[in-house]
Protein backbone atom coordinates (compact mmCIF):
# COMPACT_ATOMS: atom_id res chain seq x y z
CA MET A 1 0.14 -0.03 0.04
CA THR A 2 1.33 3.24 -0.88
CA GLU A 3 1.95 6.10 1.70
CA VAL A 4 -1.04 8.36 0.18
CA SER A 5 -3.34 5.17 0.35
CA LYS A 6 -2.53 4.55 3.98
CA ARG A 7 -3.02 8.01 5.06
CA ARG A 8 -6.55 8.13 3.37
CA LEU A 9 -7.39 4.97 4.87
CA LEU A 10 -6.29 5.98 8.39
CA ALA A 11 -8.17 9.30 8.00
CA ALA A 12 -11.27 7.30 7.11
CA CYS A 13 -11.19 5.02 10.02
CA SER A 14 -10.19 7.66 12.52
CA THR A 15 -14.02 8.75 12.79
CA ILE A 16 -15.80 5.14 12.36
CA ALA A 17 -18.48 4.41 14.64
CA VAL A 18 -19.38 0.89 15.40
CA GLY A 19 -22.91 -0.40 14.63
CA SER A 20 -23.90 2.34 11.87
CA ALA A 21 -24.69 -0.16 9.02
CA GLY A 22 -27.72 -1.66 7.49
CA CYS A 23 -30.18 0.25 5.01
CA VAL A 24 -28.83 3.27 3.38
CA ASP A 25 -31.20 6.28 2.56
CA PHE A 26 -29.59 7.20 -0.79
CA ASP A 27 -31.04 10.86 -0.36
CA SER A 28 -29.61 11.38 2.99
CA ARG A 29 -26.53 13.16 2.02
CA SER A 30 -26.16 16.92 0.50
CA ASP A 31 -24.67 16.99 -3.30
CA SER A 32 -21.47 18.28 -1.66
CA GLN A 33 -20.94 15.24 0.57
CA ILE A 34 -21.84 12.87 -2.48
CA ASP A 35 -19.18 14.84 -4.80
CA THR A 36 -16.35 14.84 -1.97
CA VAL A 37 -16.48 11.06 -1.68
CA SER A 38 -16.78 10.52 -5.50
CA ALA A 39 -13.82 12.74 -6.37
CA THR A 40 -11.31 11.84 -3.91
CA GLY A 41 -12.25 8.31 -4.10
CA ASP A 42 -11.16 7.53 -0.45
CA GLY A 43 -14.41 8.04 1.31
CA LEU A 44 -12.80 10.17 3.81
CA GLU A 45 -16.31 11.43 5.19
CA LYS A 46 -18.27 8.08 5.08
CA CYS A 47 -17.36 6.54 8.48
CA SER A 48 -18.66 9.40 10.60
CA SER A 49 -21.50 10.55 8.29
CA VAL A 50 -22.95 7.89 6.08
CA THR A 51 -24.64 4.77 7.31
CA GLY A 52 -24.82 1.55 5.60
CA ASP A 53 -21.15 1.78 4.12
CA TRP A 54 -19.94 -1.25 5.99
CA LEU A 55 -22.56 -4.00 5.78
CA THR A 56 -22.03 -7.49 7.31
CA PHE A 57 -24.36 -10.61 7.22
CA GLN A 58 -27.29 -9.44 8.52
CA GLY A 59 -26.73 -5.49 8.39
CA ASP A 60 -25.02 -3.80 11.21
CA HIS A 61 -22.20 -5.16 13.40
CA ARG A 62 -24.89 -6.06 15.95
CA ASN A 63 -26.75 -7.80 13.53
CA THR A 64 -29.94 -5.78 13.88
CA GLY A 65 -31.06 -5.91 10.34
CA HIS A 66 -31.09 -2.00 9.92
CA SER A 67 -29.09 1.00 10.30
CA SER A 68 -29.07 2.04 14.00
CA THR A 69 -28.90 5.76 12.49
CA VAL A 70 -31.09 5.83 9.70
CA GLY A 71 -33.70 3.00 11.27
CA PRO A 72 -36.00 1.34 9.32
CA ILE A 73 -36.58 1.98 5.52
CA ARG A 74 -39.63 3.53 4.24
CA SER A 75 -42.32 1.32 3.66
CA ASP A 76 -44.68 1.22 0.66
CA PRO A 77 -47.92 -0.54 1.61
CA THR A 78 -48.82 -1.04 -2.21
CA ARG A 79 -47.87 -4.41 -4.06
CA THR A 80 -44.06 -4.45 -4.81
CA THR A 81 -43.03 -4.77 -8.47
CA ILE A 82 -39.47 -5.48 -10.02
CA ALA A 83 -38.37 -1.96 -11.22
CA ALA A 84 -34.92 -3.09 -12.62
CA ASP A 85 -32.36 -5.78 -12.84
CA VAL A 86 -28.47 -6.16 -13.69
CA TYR A 87 -26.58 -9.02 -14.79
CA THR A 88 -24.49 -9.98 -12.02
CA ARG A 89 -23.20 -13.58 -12.92
CA HIS A 90 -24.64 -16.31 -10.69
CA THR A 91 -24.27 -15.68 -6.98
CA ASP A 92 -25.47 -16.79 -3.51
CA PHE A 93 -24.15 -13.56 -1.73
CA VAL A 94 -26.44 -10.73 -0.58
CA PRO A 95 -25.73 -7.51 -2.46
CA LEU A 96 -24.18 -4.74 -0.33
CA VAL A 97 -25.77 -1.52 -0.59
CA THR A 98 -23.74 1.55 0.05
CA ALA A 99 -24.30 5.14 -0.50
CA THR A 100 -21.53 4.86 -3.22
CA GLY A 101 -23.20 2.12 -5.22
CA ILE A 102 -24.03 -1.53 -4.76
CA VAL A 103 -21.47 -4.35 -4.31
CA THR A 104 -22.12 -7.42 -5.97
CA VAL A 105 -20.59 -10.77 -4.81
CA THR A 106 -19.91 -13.92 -6.79
CA ARG A 107 -17.43 -16.91 -5.59
CA ASN A 108 -14.82 -15.34 -8.11
CA GLY A 109 -14.87 -11.58 -7.53
CA LEU A 110 -16.93 -8.60 -6.85
CA ALA A 111 -17.98 -5.25 -8.40
CA LEU A 112 -19.51 -2.06 -7.61
CA VAL A 113 -22.79 -1.22 -9.56
CA ASP A 114 -24.49 2.12 -10.15
CA PRO A 115 -28.00 1.70 -8.59
CA ALA A 116 -29.56 4.02 -11.17
CA SER A 117 -28.15 2.70 -14.38
CA GLY A 118 -26.93 -0.74 -13.34
CA GLU A 119 -23.44 0.19 -14.84
CA ARG A 120 -20.61 -1.73 -13.36
CA LEU A 121 -18.21 0.82 -12.01
CA TRP A 122 -15.17 -1.46 -11.25
CA GLU A 123 -14.56 -5.24 -10.91
CA TYR A 124 -11.98 -6.94 -8.63
CA THR A 125 -10.89 -10.65 -8.80
CA PRO A 126 -9.06 -11.84 -5.97
CA ASN A 127 -6.72 -14.81 -6.20
CA GLY A 128 -9.03 -17.45 -4.94
CA PRO A 129 -12.71 -18.27 -4.35
CA ILE A 130 -14.72 -15.97 -1.97
CA ARG A 131 -16.61 -18.06 0.70
CA HIS A 132 -18.00 -15.26 2.77
CA THR A 133 -19.90 -12.09 2.52
CA PRO A 134 -17.33 -8.96 2.54
CA THR A 135 -17.67 -6.24 5.01
CA ILE A 136 -17.59 -2.47 3.91
CA GLY A 137 -16.21 0.36 6.19
CA CYS A 138 -14.06 3.31 6.05
CA GLY A 139 -14.53 3.78 2.25
CA ALA A 140 -13.17 0.40 1.85
CA VAL A 141 -14.25 -3.36 1.07
CA TYR A 142 -12.52 -5.88 3.01
CA VAL A 143 -12.93 -9.49 1.58
CA GLN A 144 -11.42 -12.87 2.21
CA SER A 145 -10.43 -15.07 -0.46
CA LEU A 146 -8.79 -18.63 -0.62
CA HIS A 147 -5.65 -17.83 1.63
CA LYS A 148 -5.59 -13.91 1.48
CA LYS A 149 -7.35 -10.95 2.77
CA HIS A 150 -7.89 -7.96 0.38
CA CYS A 151 -8.76 -4.30 1.45
CA ILE A 152 -10.13 -2.57 -1.51
CA ASP A 153 -11.07 1.03 -2.07
CA LEU A 154 -14.82 1.25 -2.21
CA ALA A 155 -15.16 4.18 -4.97
CA SER A 156 -12.46 3.25 -7.27
CA GLY A 157 -11.55 -0.64 -6.75
CA GLU A 158 -8.09 0.26 -6.20
CA LEU A 159 -6.41 -2.45 -3.83
CA TYR A 160 -5.32 -0.88 -0.64
CA TRP A 161 -3.47 -3.91 0.85
CA ARG A 162 -3.45 -7.82 0.52
CA GLN A 163 -2.28 -10.18 2.93
CA ASN A 164 -1.73 -13.96 3.38
CA THR A 165 -3.83 -15.76 6.05
CA GLY A 166 -1.88 -18.79 6.41
CA SER A 167 -2.93 -22.40 6.14
CA ALA A 168 -6.30 -22.03 7.64
CA GLY A 169 -7.54 -19.60 4.95
CA ARG A 170 -11.11 -19.91 5.74
CA THR A 171 -12.02 -17.10 8.02
CA GLY A 172 -15.42 -15.70 8.07
CA SER A 173 -16.71 -12.42 7.50
CA PHE A 174 -15.01 -9.61 9.09
CA VAL A 175 -16.70 -7.12 11.79
CA MET A 176 -14.53 -4.14 12.55
CA ASP A 177 -14.09 -1.05 15.00
CA SER A 178 -11.95 2.06 14.44
CA GLU A 179 -8.65 -0.14 14.61
CA ARG A 180 -9.14 -3.72 14.12
CA LEU A 181 -10.70 -6.41 11.92
CA PHE A 182 -11.96 -9.56 13.67
CA THR A 183 -12.49 -12.72 11.92
CA TRP A 184 -13.72 -16.13 12.67
CA PRO A 185 -13.96 -19.27 13.06
CA GLY A 186 -10.95 -18.92 15.39
CA ILE A 187 -11.01 -15.29 16.50
CA ARG A 188 -8.31 -13.50 14.73
CA VAL A 189 -7.50 -9.79 14.97
CA TYR A 190 -5.75 -7.75 12.36
CA ASP A 191 -4.79 -4.21 11.96
CA LEU A 192 -7.49 -2.37 9.96
CA THR A 193 -5.17 -0.15 7.71
CA THR A 194 -2.26 -2.95 7.17
CA GLY A 195 -3.97 -6.39 7.49
CA THR A 196 -1.21 -7.48 9.67
CA ARG A 197 -1.98 -9.69 12.74
CA ARG A 198 -2.33 -7.66 16.02
CA GLN A 199 -2.86 -10.04 18.57
CA ARG A 200 -3.16 -13.72 19.67
CA ARG A 201 -6.60 -15.38 18.91
CA PHE A 202 -9.17 -14.96 21.38
CA VAL A 203 -10.64 -18.58 20.61
CA ASN A 204 -9.12 -21.20 18.55
CA SER A 205 -12.06 -22.72 16.66
CA GLY A 206 -15.86 -23.25 16.66
CA VAL A 207 -17.14 -19.61 16.28
CA GLN A 208 -20.25 -19.53 13.84
CA GLY A 209 -20.56 -15.82 13.82
CA LEU A 210 -19.61 -12.43 15.60
CA ALA A 211 -21.33 -9.18 16.69
CA LEU A 212 -19.74 -6.22 17.75
CA ASP A 213 -20.89 -2.99 19.94
CA GLU A 214 -19.21 -0.29 21.90
CA ASN A 215 -18.75 -2.78 24.88
CA ALA A 216 -17.95 -6.00 23.70
CA LEU A 217 -17.07 -8.54 20.91
CA TYR A 218 -19.96 -11.23 20.93
CA ALA A 219 -19.05 -14.92 19.74
CA MET A 220 -21.43 -17.75 19.00
CA ILE A 221 -19.74 -20.89 19.56
CA ALA A 222 -21.18 -24.35 18.68
CA ALA A 223 -19.74 -27.65 18.74
CA ASN A 224 -21.05 -31.24 19.50
CA ASP A 225 -24.70 -30.71 19.65
CA GLN A 226 -23.91 -27.83 22.21
CA GLY A 227 -23.20 -24.16 22.07
CA ARG A 228 -22.45 -20.97 23.96
CA LEU A 229 -22.28 -17.25 23.69
CA GLU A 230 -19.23 -15.55 24.91
CA ALA A 231 -18.15 -11.83 25.12
CA PHE A 232 -14.91 -10.46 24.94
CA ASP A 233 -13.09 -6.87 25.54
CA PRO A 234 -12.10 -6.18 21.92
CA ALA A 235 -9.13 -4.52 22.99
CA THR A 236 -7.58 -7.17 25.05
CA GLY A 237 -9.36 -10.14 24.16
CA LYS A 238 -10.01 -10.73 27.87
CA ARG A 239 -13.37 -12.79 28.35
CA GLN A 240 -16.22 -10.84 30.02
CA TRP A 241 -18.82 -13.50 30.57
CA ARG A 242 -19.87 -16.95 28.93
CA ASN A 243 -23.34 -18.30 28.58
CA ASP A 244 -24.11 -22.01 28.20
CA THR A 245 -27.83 -21.73 27.82
CA VAL A 246 -28.25 -20.56 24.21
CA GLY A 247 -27.77 -24.25 22.65
CA GLU A 248 -26.68 -25.06 19.35
CA SER A 249 -26.59 -22.15 16.94
CA TYR A 250 -24.78 -21.52 13.73
CA ARG A 251 -25.71 -17.60 13.25
CA PRO A 252 -24.27 -14.64 15.11
CA PRO A 253 -26.55 -13.22 17.78
CA VAL A 254 -28.64 -9.93 17.43
CA VAL A 255 -27.40 -7.46 19.82
CA ALA A 256 -29.95 -4.81 20.78
CA HIS A 257 -32.06 -3.50 23.74
CA GLY A 258 -29.30 -4.63 26.24
CA HIS A 259 -29.37 -8.17 25.11
CA ALA A 260 -28.17 -10.72 22.68
CA TYR A 261 -30.65 -12.79 20.92
CA SER A 262 -30.06 -15.93 19.38
CA ALA A 263 -31.91 -19.07 17.99
CA SER A 264 -31.09 -22.47 18.66
CA THR A 265 -31.46 -25.49 16.09
CA ASN A 266 -34.20 -26.97 18.15
CA GLY A 267 -36.33 -24.04 18.28
CA ILE A 268 -35.58 -22.03 21.43
CA VAL A 269 -34.86 -18.38 21.27
CA THR A 270 -32.70 -16.94 24.07
CA ALA A 271 -32.00 -13.27 25.09
CA VAL A 272 -28.85 -12.77 27.27
CA ASP A 273 -27.98 -9.51 29.23
CA ILE A 274 -25.11 -8.19 27.65
CA THR A 275 -23.85 -6.75 30.91
CA SER A 276 -23.88 -9.81 33.27
CA GLY A 277 -24.10 -12.82 30.72
CA GLU A 278 -27.01 -13.85 32.61
CA THR A 279 -29.94 -15.64 30.60
CA ALA A 280 -32.62 -13.06 30.65
CA TRP A 281 -35.47 -15.34 29.02
CA GLN A 282 -36.11 -18.26 26.72
CA HIS A 283 -38.94 -18.85 24.60
CA ASP A 284 -39.65 -22.33 22.96
CA LEU A 285 -41.21 -21.94 19.48
CA ALA A 286 -42.21 -25.55 19.42
CA LEU A 287 -40.71 -26.36 16.05
CA ASP A 288 -39.18 -29.48 14.87
CA GLU A 289 -36.36 -27.71 13.12
CA LEU A 290 -35.25 -24.12 12.99
CA SER A 291 -31.96 -24.01 11.20
CA SER A 292 -30.86 -21.65 13.88
CA MET A 293 -32.05 -18.57 11.81
CA VAL A 294 -31.09 -15.25 13.28
CA GLY A 295 -33.85 -12.67 13.41
CA VAL A 296 -33.94 -8.87 13.43
CA TYR A 297 -34.96 -6.17 15.74
CA GLU A 298 -36.91 -3.06 15.99
CA ASP A 299 -39.12 -1.09 18.59
CA GLU A 300 -38.61 -3.74 21.24
CA THR A 301 -39.45 -6.74 19.10
CA VAL A 302 -37.62 -9.42 17.77
CA TYR A 303 -38.61 -11.05 14.62
CA VAL A 304 -37.55 -14.65 13.92
CA PRO A 305 -38.04 -16.61 10.56
CA THR A 306 -38.47 -20.27 11.13
CA GLY A 307 -36.98 -21.94 8.10
CA THR A 308 -39.12 -24.89 6.57
CA VAL A 309 -41.82 -24.26 9.19
CA LYS A 310 -42.95 -21.32 6.97
CA LYS A 311 -43.66 -18.64 9.29
CA VAL A 312 -42.46 -15.53 11.12
CA VAL A 313 -42.65 -15.00 15.00
CA ALA A 314 -42.37 -11.71 16.42
CA LEU A 315 -41.47 -11.85 20.14
CA ASN A 316 -41.43 -8.97 22.94
CA ALA A 317 -37.67 -8.32 23.30
CA GLU A 318 -37.74 -7.59 26.79
CA THR A 319 -39.92 -10.66 27.89
CA GLY A 320 -39.82 -13.16 25.17
CA LYS A 321 -43.72 -13.34 25.03
CA PRO A 322 -45.06 -13.75 21.51
CA ARG A 323 -46.70 -10.80 19.93
CA TRP A 324 -47.96 -12.49 16.64
CA GLN A 325 -46.99 -15.22 14.00
CA THR A 326 -47.72 -15.30 10.30
CA PRO A 327 -47.53 -18.04 7.83
CA VAL A 328 -45.73 -17.48 4.63
CA ALA A 329 -45.82 -19.45 1.36
CA GLY A 330 -41.95 -20.48 1.31
CA GLY A 331 -39.52 -21.41 3.72
CA ALA A 332 -38.28 -18.33 5.89
CA PHE A 333 -34.62 -19.13 5.70
CA TYR A 334 -33.51 -15.42 5.21
CA ALA A 335 -33.56 -12.48 7.70
CA PRO A 336 -36.28 -10.04 7.12
CA ILE A 337 -36.05 -6.21 6.21
CA VAL A 338 -37.50 -4.07 8.69
CA GLY A 339 -39.58 -1.16 7.23
CA ASP A 340 -41.21 1.82 9.12
CA GLU A 341 -44.41 -0.24 8.78
CA LEU A 342 -43.65 -3.38 7.13
CA LEU A 343 -41.74 -6.37 7.72
CA TYR A 344 -40.27 -7.66 4.19
CA VAL A 345 -39.76 -11.55 4.53
CA PRO A 346 -37.82 -13.31 1.60
CA THR A 347 -38.67 -16.99 1.38
CA GLY A 348 -37.52 -19.72 -0.94
CA GLY A 349 -40.02 -18.54 -3.74
CA THR A 350 -41.77 -15.67 -2.48
CA LEU A 351 -41.40 -12.12 -1.08
CA ALA A 352 -44.03 -11.24 1.59
CA ALA A 353 -44.71 -7.93 3.36
CA ILE A 354 -46.20 -8.01 6.91
CA ASP A 355 -47.60 -5.33 9.12
CA ARG A 356 -44.83 -5.41 11.80
CA ARG A 357 -47.10 -4.23 14.50
CA THR A 358 -50.15 -6.52 13.87
CA GLY A 359 -48.63 -9.42 12.07
CA VAL A 360 -51.11 -8.99 9.25
CA LYS A 361 -49.71 -10.13 5.87
CA GLN A 362 -50.26 -7.01 3.20
CA TRP A 363 -49.20 -8.92 0.29
CA GLU A 364 -47.05 -11.87 -1.09
CA ILE A 365 -45.60 -12.17 -4.59
CA ASP A 366 -43.74 -14.97 -6.17
CA THR A 367 -39.91 -14.41 -6.87
CA VAL A 368 -36.65 -16.50 -6.49
CA MET A 369 -34.07 -15.35 -4.55
CA ASN A 370 -30.42 -16.69 -4.15
CA ALA A 371 -29.54 -14.59 -0.99
CA GLU A 372 -30.82 -12.33 1.69
CA LEU A 373 -32.30 -9.07 0.97
CA ALA A 374 -30.53 -5.60 1.17
CA ALA A 375 -32.38 -2.30 1.44
CA SER A 376 -32.20 1.21 0.78
CA SER A 377 -34.81 4.25 0.22
CA GLU A 378 -34.77 3.29 -3.44
CA GLY A 379 -36.18 -0.11 -2.72
CA LEU A 380 -35.24 -3.74 -1.73
CA TYR A 381 -32.38 -5.37 -3.56
CA ALA A 382 -32.19 -9.13 -4.27
CA VAL A 383 -30.27 -11.73 -6.24
CA ASN A 384 -32.57 -13.70 -8.34
CA GLY A 385 -30.33 -16.17 -10.45
CA SER A 386 -27.69 -14.15 -12.20
CA ASP A 387 -29.59 -10.83 -11.86
CA LEU A 388 -29.65 -8.31 -9.16
CA VAL A 389 -33.35 -7.24 -8.83
CA ARG A 390 -34.64 -3.91 -7.26
CA PHE A 391 -38.20 -4.13 -6.04
CA SER A 392 -39.55 -0.41 -5.47
């Protein structure tokens, strides 16, 4: 990495705020802000002023499913229609919606797509297959290929740095704070601006997903039909607490409302107090199979999709008591998107809109999705075969 590139990345990361990701409002910035970001190619203002520029598996690093700053996307109660599509090559990765553009990801590479025209602004091909959804932050894209980590400028596609990961080579998606990248299945810590190893592993193996807030790094760990949730000091790696009641789960927790929420493979939803590590409540969904789907959070409610059971359940985030449950036509394997009025639920063959306060289904249309939904004020984005589709 050149000295200029390093200074640009350092400046961008100096103002990063944990948890500010998810659903982007493309209209939320002034023209001068947009021009500055586009002209410099380094995103110096993004980490402090733009939400959604660093999307992980479920949205922000707390996995709530939306931006903690912008909040839910604006709902359209009318029937959703397909507005545009862009050929992306076949992919199973969620599109990453940012204020700069949409990053589409395949096993062989990634590209930045203009959301208005569908034009590819740049493409990047790493040295091996991509196995996990990239993370976006500080105006850069962080992606893991076979045995290397890559840091790429979001606006230009320029490579900031590339580092070997050693023989393991299968690290999961990154979460990040202002200085560090955290990866799994064994929690490794890397310098954000250089990619070099910063400290020894927190956990050697077994991690199924991470969440991060200003207080702790949360790790879901599963092995031998059991599971546990652990919290670590991000700076030192010291374990703050461990909870062994969460059961076997293969998704990261959702951190909100003072709790870490998770769903186990046997249908138990658990809320853990993030200060003490004690179990606040558990709720049995009475399901034969859950596939450890992670939910999303909004307005003191946790929304949990139930896989092959084909329904979505809303739970009181404070008590765990059910608010409603609503059937959907296809298997609810993907996390919903939170709107201001509606909950958008992707399934194996449909997209449903549910009133998130009452649970009443507003509409459901047939469509095929390869991956999770992404959202902005422009609409919902999904991968359908080899097409990036916008619903608006």
